Amino acid sequence: MMPLSNQTFPRPDVMPLREALRGLRFFLRRGGETLAETIDLASLPKPAFDLATVALREAGGIVRSVDDIASDVAKTVLGGTTQSSAPLQDFIGSESSSAEFAVAFYVALTAVLRHLGAPGVLVSEAAARSALEGMAVANPDETVESRAARLTFRLLDSRVLRGTTAQQAALVPGAGLEAVSLFAVLLWLQAVRSEDENEAALMAACDMAVALAPEISMAVHQKNTDQIAALYRKYVSHV
């Protein structure tokens, strides 16, 4: 039998732990926000006011504690997450790269949501990975834009964004936040960019998606993959 010191063990999949920590933080944060929005402190008599104030303070402390714990775990065990400069074609068509895609997509989508004024939306890294893993093998003649369009609808079906409301992004009209933010990230992933240009290119893709919001939303509503592909093809060079 090979000595334990010479054996190699598969690296554990840390994504479910990241996902669970993010979900817990989201749940606690949203619960605290709901409590603060529900209670009209000014109208309460003093005993109830004191009790509500303590409850809100404790809820905020719990959220901060969970954030601190999650941050420490991410740094010491889970590893960091940074924006990827890899192009989309490096991810699509290779199931082995689904985990790397999910991390890159999570980081970029989180940045896009902050830019759109919706930092409180929960992004599911697991859903992003599942969306890519479940894509059918691409036809060799299929364009990158067409593959990106297919992936767009898979990401929508996988519910990569959780806990959204139509009012959570002032820059995006109506209920288009999900479609517009996903389009922005996939447009960015198709753009030719260096590592130094990553952040600026992502923000340019985000602004482009906002400008195209009515067209994106219509194509998504109609489940028109060809129209989404055409939008990618037309505007990727502008990022």
Protein backbone atom coordinates (compact mmCIF):
# COMPACT_ATOMS: atom_id res chain seq x y z
CA MET A 1 0.00 0.00 0.00
CA MET A 2 1.27 3.46 -0.89
CA PRO A 3 2.27 5.51 2.18
CA LEU A 4 -0.21 8.27 3.00
CA SER A 5 2.53 10.85 2.56
CA ASN A 6 2.87 9.84 -1.11
CA GLN A 7 -0.81 9.74 -1.90
CA THR A 8 -2.60 12.59 -3.60
CA PHE A 9 -6.15 13.40 -2.63
CA PRO A 10 -8.68 15.23 -4.81
CA ARG A 11 -9.07 18.88 -3.92
CA PRO A 12 -12.42 19.42 -2.18
CA ASP A 13 -15.07 21.39 -4.04
CA VAL A 14 -15.27 24.59 -2.01
CA MET A 15 -17.95 26.22 -4.16
CA PRO A 16 -20.89 24.83 -2.11
CA LEU A 17 -19.38 26.34 1.04
CA ARG A 18 -18.98 29.72 -0.65
CA GLU A 19 -22.56 29.46 -1.86
CA ALA A 20 -23.87 28.59 1.60
CA LEU A 21 -22.02 31.48 3.25
CA ARG A 22 -23.30 33.95 0.67
CA GLY A 23 -26.84 32.66 1.11
CA LEU A 24 -26.62 33.04 4.87
CA ARG A 25 -25.29 36.58 4.58
CA PHE A 26 -28.05 37.46 2.12
CA PHE A 27 -30.75 35.99 4.37
CA LEU A 28 -29.53 37.84 7.45
CA ARG A 29 -28.97 41.11 5.62
CA ARG A 30 -32.38 40.99 3.92
CA GLY A 31 -34.04 40.11 7.21
CA GLY A 32 -32.47 43.12 8.91
CA GLU A 33 -33.47 45.41 6.05
CA THR A 34 -37.05 44.12 6.15
CA LEU A 35 -37.24 44.70 9.89
CA ALA A 36 -35.92 48.25 9.54
CA GLU A 37 -38.36 49.02 6.73
CA THR A 38 -41.33 47.52 8.58
CA ILE A 39 -40.94 49.22 11.94
CA ASP A 40 -41.76 52.93 12.19
CA LEU A 41 -39.58 53.71 15.21
CA ALA A 42 -40.79 57.30 15.52
CA SER A 43 -44.38 56.20 16.15
CA LEU A 44 -43.56 53.69 18.91
CA PRO A 45 -43.98 54.36 22.63
CA LYS A 46 -40.71 54.40 24.56
CA PRO A 47 -40.65 50.76 25.80
CA ALA A 48 -41.38 49.43 22.30
CA PHE A 49 -38.95 51.95 20.78
CA ASP A 50 -36.16 50.73 23.06
CA LEU A 51 -36.90 47.08 22.25
CA ALA A 52 -37.02 47.69 18.49
CA THR A 53 -33.78 49.67 18.60
CA VAL A 54 -32.00 46.84 20.38
CA ALA A 55 -33.40 44.29 17.91
CA LEU A 56 -32.19 46.29 14.92
CA ARG A 57 -28.78 46.82 16.49
CA GLU A 58 -28.43 43.10 17.25
CA ALA A 59 -29.52 42.15 13.73
CA GLY A 60 -26.90 44.47 12.29
CA GLY A 61 -24.25 42.98 14.56
CA ILE A 62 -25.12 39.44 13.44
CA VAL A 63 -24.85 40.41 9.78
CA ARG A 64 -21.46 42.07 10.34
CA SER A 65 -20.22 39.02 12.23
CA VAL A 66 -21.28 36.66 9.45
CA ASP A 67 -19.65 38.94 6.87
CA ASP A 68 -16.41 38.90 8.86
CA ILE A 69 -16.50 35.11 9.21
CA ALA A 70 -17.25 34.60 5.53
CA SER A 71 -14.46 36.96 4.57
CA ASP A 72 -11.94 35.18 6.79
CA VAL A 73 -12.96 31.77 5.48
CA ALA A 74 -12.73 32.99 1.90
CA LYS A 75 -9.21 34.28 2.45
CA THR A 76 -7.80 31.37 4.42
CA VAL A 77 -9.59 28.35 2.98
CA LEU A 78 -11.58 29.10 -0.16
CA GLY A 79 -9.09 31.22 -2.02
CA GLY A 80 -9.60 34.61 -3.59
CA THR A 81 -11.87 35.50 -6.48
CA THR A 82 -10.63 37.94 -9.09
CA GLN A 83 -11.84 39.12 -12.47
CA SER A 84 -10.71 36.84 -15.28
CA SER A 85 -9.25 38.15 -18.53
CA ALA A 86 -9.92 34.85 -20.30
CA PRO A 87 -12.25 35.06 -23.33
CA LEU A 88 -15.62 33.34 -23.35
CA GLN A 89 -14.55 30.75 -25.93
CA ASP A 90 -12.02 29.39 -23.40
CA PHE A 91 -14.91 28.46 -21.11
CA ILE A 92 -17.64 27.34 -23.50
CA GLY A 93 -17.33 23.79 -24.79
CA SER A 94 -15.08 22.62 -21.96
CA GLU A 95 -16.89 21.14 -18.97
CA SER A 96 -13.62 21.08 -17.02
CA SER A 97 -13.60 24.89 -17.08
CA SER A 98 -17.10 25.31 -15.63
CA ALA A 99 -15.78 26.02 -12.13
CA GLU A 100 -13.40 28.71 -13.42
CA PHE A 101 -16.21 30.22 -15.48
CA ALA A 102 -18.53 30.30 -12.47
CA VAL A 103 -15.98 32.20 -10.37
CA ALA A 104 -15.23 34.68 -13.15
CA PHE A 105 -18.92 35.17 -13.85
CA TYR A 106 -19.76 35.66 -10.17
CA VAL A 107 -17.08 38.33 -9.69
CA ALA A 108 -18.05 40.20 -12.86
CA LEU A 109 -21.80 40.01 -12.26
CA THR A 110 -21.39 41.26 -8.69
CA ALA A 111 -19.43 44.27 -10.01
CA VAL A 112 -22.10 44.95 -12.65
CA LEU A 113 -24.88 44.87 -10.06
CA ARG A 114 -22.98 47.37 -7.89
CA HIS A 115 -22.58 49.62 -10.92
CA LEU A 116 -26.31 49.38 -11.62
CA GLY A 117 -27.20 50.29 -8.05
CA ALA A 118 -28.33 46.81 -7.02
CA PRO A 119 -25.59 45.54 -4.67
CA GLY A 120 -28.03 43.61 -2.48
CA VAL A 121 -28.99 41.01 -5.10
CA LEU A 122 -27.75 37.48 -4.43
CA VAL A 123 -25.64 35.92 -7.21
CA SER A 124 -25.50 32.12 -7.38
CA GLU A 125 -22.11 30.81 -8.43
CA ALA A 126 -23.55 27.28 -8.38
CA ALA A 127 -26.26 28.24 -10.88
CA ALA A 128 -23.65 29.74 -13.22
CA ARG A 129 -21.59 26.57 -13.13
CA SER A 130 -24.67 24.41 -13.70
CA ALA A 131 -25.71 26.54 -16.67
CA LEU A 132 -22.40 26.01 -18.45
CA GLU A 133 -22.16 22.33 -17.57
CA GLY A 134 -25.61 21.68 -18.98
CA MET A 135 -24.97 23.22 -22.40
CA ALA A 136 -25.16 20.85 -25.34
CA VAL A 137 -21.94 20.22 -27.23
CA ALA A 138 -21.48 23.06 -29.67
CA ASN A 139 -21.57 22.61 -33.40
CA PRO A 140 -18.07 23.41 -34.77
CA ASP A 141 -19.65 25.91 -37.14
CA GLU A 142 -21.55 27.72 -34.37
CA THR A 143 -20.31 31.23 -33.71
CA VAL A 144 -19.19 32.47 -30.31
CA GLU A 145 -22.10 34.93 -30.31
CA SER A 146 -24.61 32.13 -30.85
CA ARG A 147 -23.07 30.08 -28.06
CA ALA A 148 -23.18 33.12 -25.80
CA ALA A 149 -26.85 33.63 -26.65
CA ARG A 150 -27.65 30.02 -25.76
CA LEU A 151 -25.74 30.44 -22.51
CA THR A 152 -27.68 33.64 -21.76
CA PHE A 153 -30.96 31.73 -21.69
CA ARG A 154 -29.43 28.87 -19.70
CA LEU A 155 -28.27 31.38 -17.08
CA LEU A 156 -31.73 32.93 -16.97
CA ASP A 157 -33.35 29.50 -16.58
CA SER A 158 -30.85 28.63 -13.82
CA ARG A 159 -31.83 31.75 -11.82
CA VAL A 160 -28.31 33.06 -11.35
CA LEU A 161 -29.81 36.16 -9.72
CA ARG A 162 -31.88 35.60 -6.60
CA GLY A 163 -34.04 37.99 -4.57
CA THR A 164 -34.46 40.66 -7.22
CA THR A 165 -37.26 43.20 -7.51
CA ALA A 166 -38.15 45.51 -10.37
CA GLN A 167 -37.17 48.55 -8.31
CA GLN A 168 -33.68 47.44 -7.29
CA ALA A 169 -31.74 49.06 -10.13
CA ALA A 170 -32.58 52.65 -11.00
CA LEU A 171 -30.44 52.46 -14.15
CA VAL A 172 -32.49 49.60 -15.63
CA PRO A 173 -36.16 50.16 -16.49
CA GLY A 174 -38.84 47.83 -15.21
CA ALA A 175 -37.94 44.22 -14.50
CA GLY A 176 -34.99 44.08 -16.90
CA LEU A 177 -32.25 43.88 -14.26
CA GLU A 178 -31.55 40.17 -14.69
CA ALA A 179 -31.42 40.13 -18.49
CA VAL A 180 -29.41 43.35 -18.77
CA SER A 181 -26.82 42.41 -16.15
CA LEU A 182 -26.29 38.92 -17.64
CA PHE A 183 -25.98 40.41 -21.12
CA ALA A 184 -23.37 42.87 -19.86
CA VAL A 185 -21.15 40.16 -18.40
CA LEU A 186 -21.37 37.90 -21.45
CA LEU A 187 -20.71 40.85 -23.77
CA TRP A 188 -17.62 41.67 -21.70
CA LEU A 189 -16.42 38.07 -21.81
CA GLN A 190 -16.55 38.14 -25.62
CA ALA A 191 -14.62 41.42 -25.90
CA VAL A 192 -10.94 41.57 -26.74
CA ARG A 193 -9.31 43.01 -23.64
CA SER A 194 -6.08 42.88 -21.68
CA GLU A 195 -5.86 42.25 -17.95
CA ASP A 196 -5.24 45.96 -17.40
CA GLU A 197 -8.39 46.82 -19.36
CA ASN A 198 -10.63 44.32 -17.58
CA GLU A 199 -12.45 46.65 -15.22
CA ALA A 200 -12.91 49.47 -17.74
CA ALA A 201 -14.16 46.99 -20.35
CA LEU A 202 -16.67 45.53 -17.90
CA MET A 203 -18.06 48.95 -17.06
CA ALA A 204 -18.26 49.79 -20.78
CA ALA A 205 -20.18 46.56 -21.41
CA CYS A 206 -22.50 47.42 -18.53
CA ASP A 207 -23.24 50.89 -19.89
CA MET A 208 -23.80 49.40 -23.35
CA ALA A 209 -26.27 46.87 -21.91
CA VAL A 210 -28.18 49.64 -20.12
CA ALA A 211 -28.50 51.55 -23.39
CA LEU A 212 -29.76 48.38 -25.09
CA ALA A 213 -32.09 47.41 -22.24
CA PRO A 214 -35.36 47.65 -24.26
CA GLU A 215 -33.95 45.47 -27.07
CA ILE A 216 -32.44 42.95 -24.66
CA SER A 217 -35.63 42.70 -22.63
CA MET A 218 -37.76 42.23 -25.75
CA ALA A 219 -35.48 39.50 -27.13
CA VAL A 220 -35.48 37.70 -23.78
CA HIS A 221 -39.26 38.00 -23.46
CA GLN A 222 -39.64 36.48 -26.94
CA LYS A 223 -36.95 33.86 -26.19
CA ASN A 224 -35.25 34.99 -29.38
CA THR A 225 -31.76 33.48 -29.28
CA ASP A 226 -30.89 34.81 -32.75
CA GLN A 227 -31.66 38.39 -31.71
CA ILE A 228 -29.50 38.14 -28.60
CA ALA A 229 -26.68 36.72 -30.72
CA ALA A 230 -27.10 39.59 -33.20
CA LEU A 231 -26.82 42.14 -30.38
CA TYR A 232 -23.62 40.51 -29.13
CA ARG A 233 -22.20 40.47 -32.66
CA LYS A 234 -23.07 44.10 -33.32
CA TYR A 235 -21.86 45.65 -30.09
CA VAL A 236 -18.94 43.54 -28.82
CA SER A 237 -16.44 45.66 -30.75
CA HIS A 238 -17.67 48.77 -28.89
CA VAL A 239 -16.56 47.42 -25.49
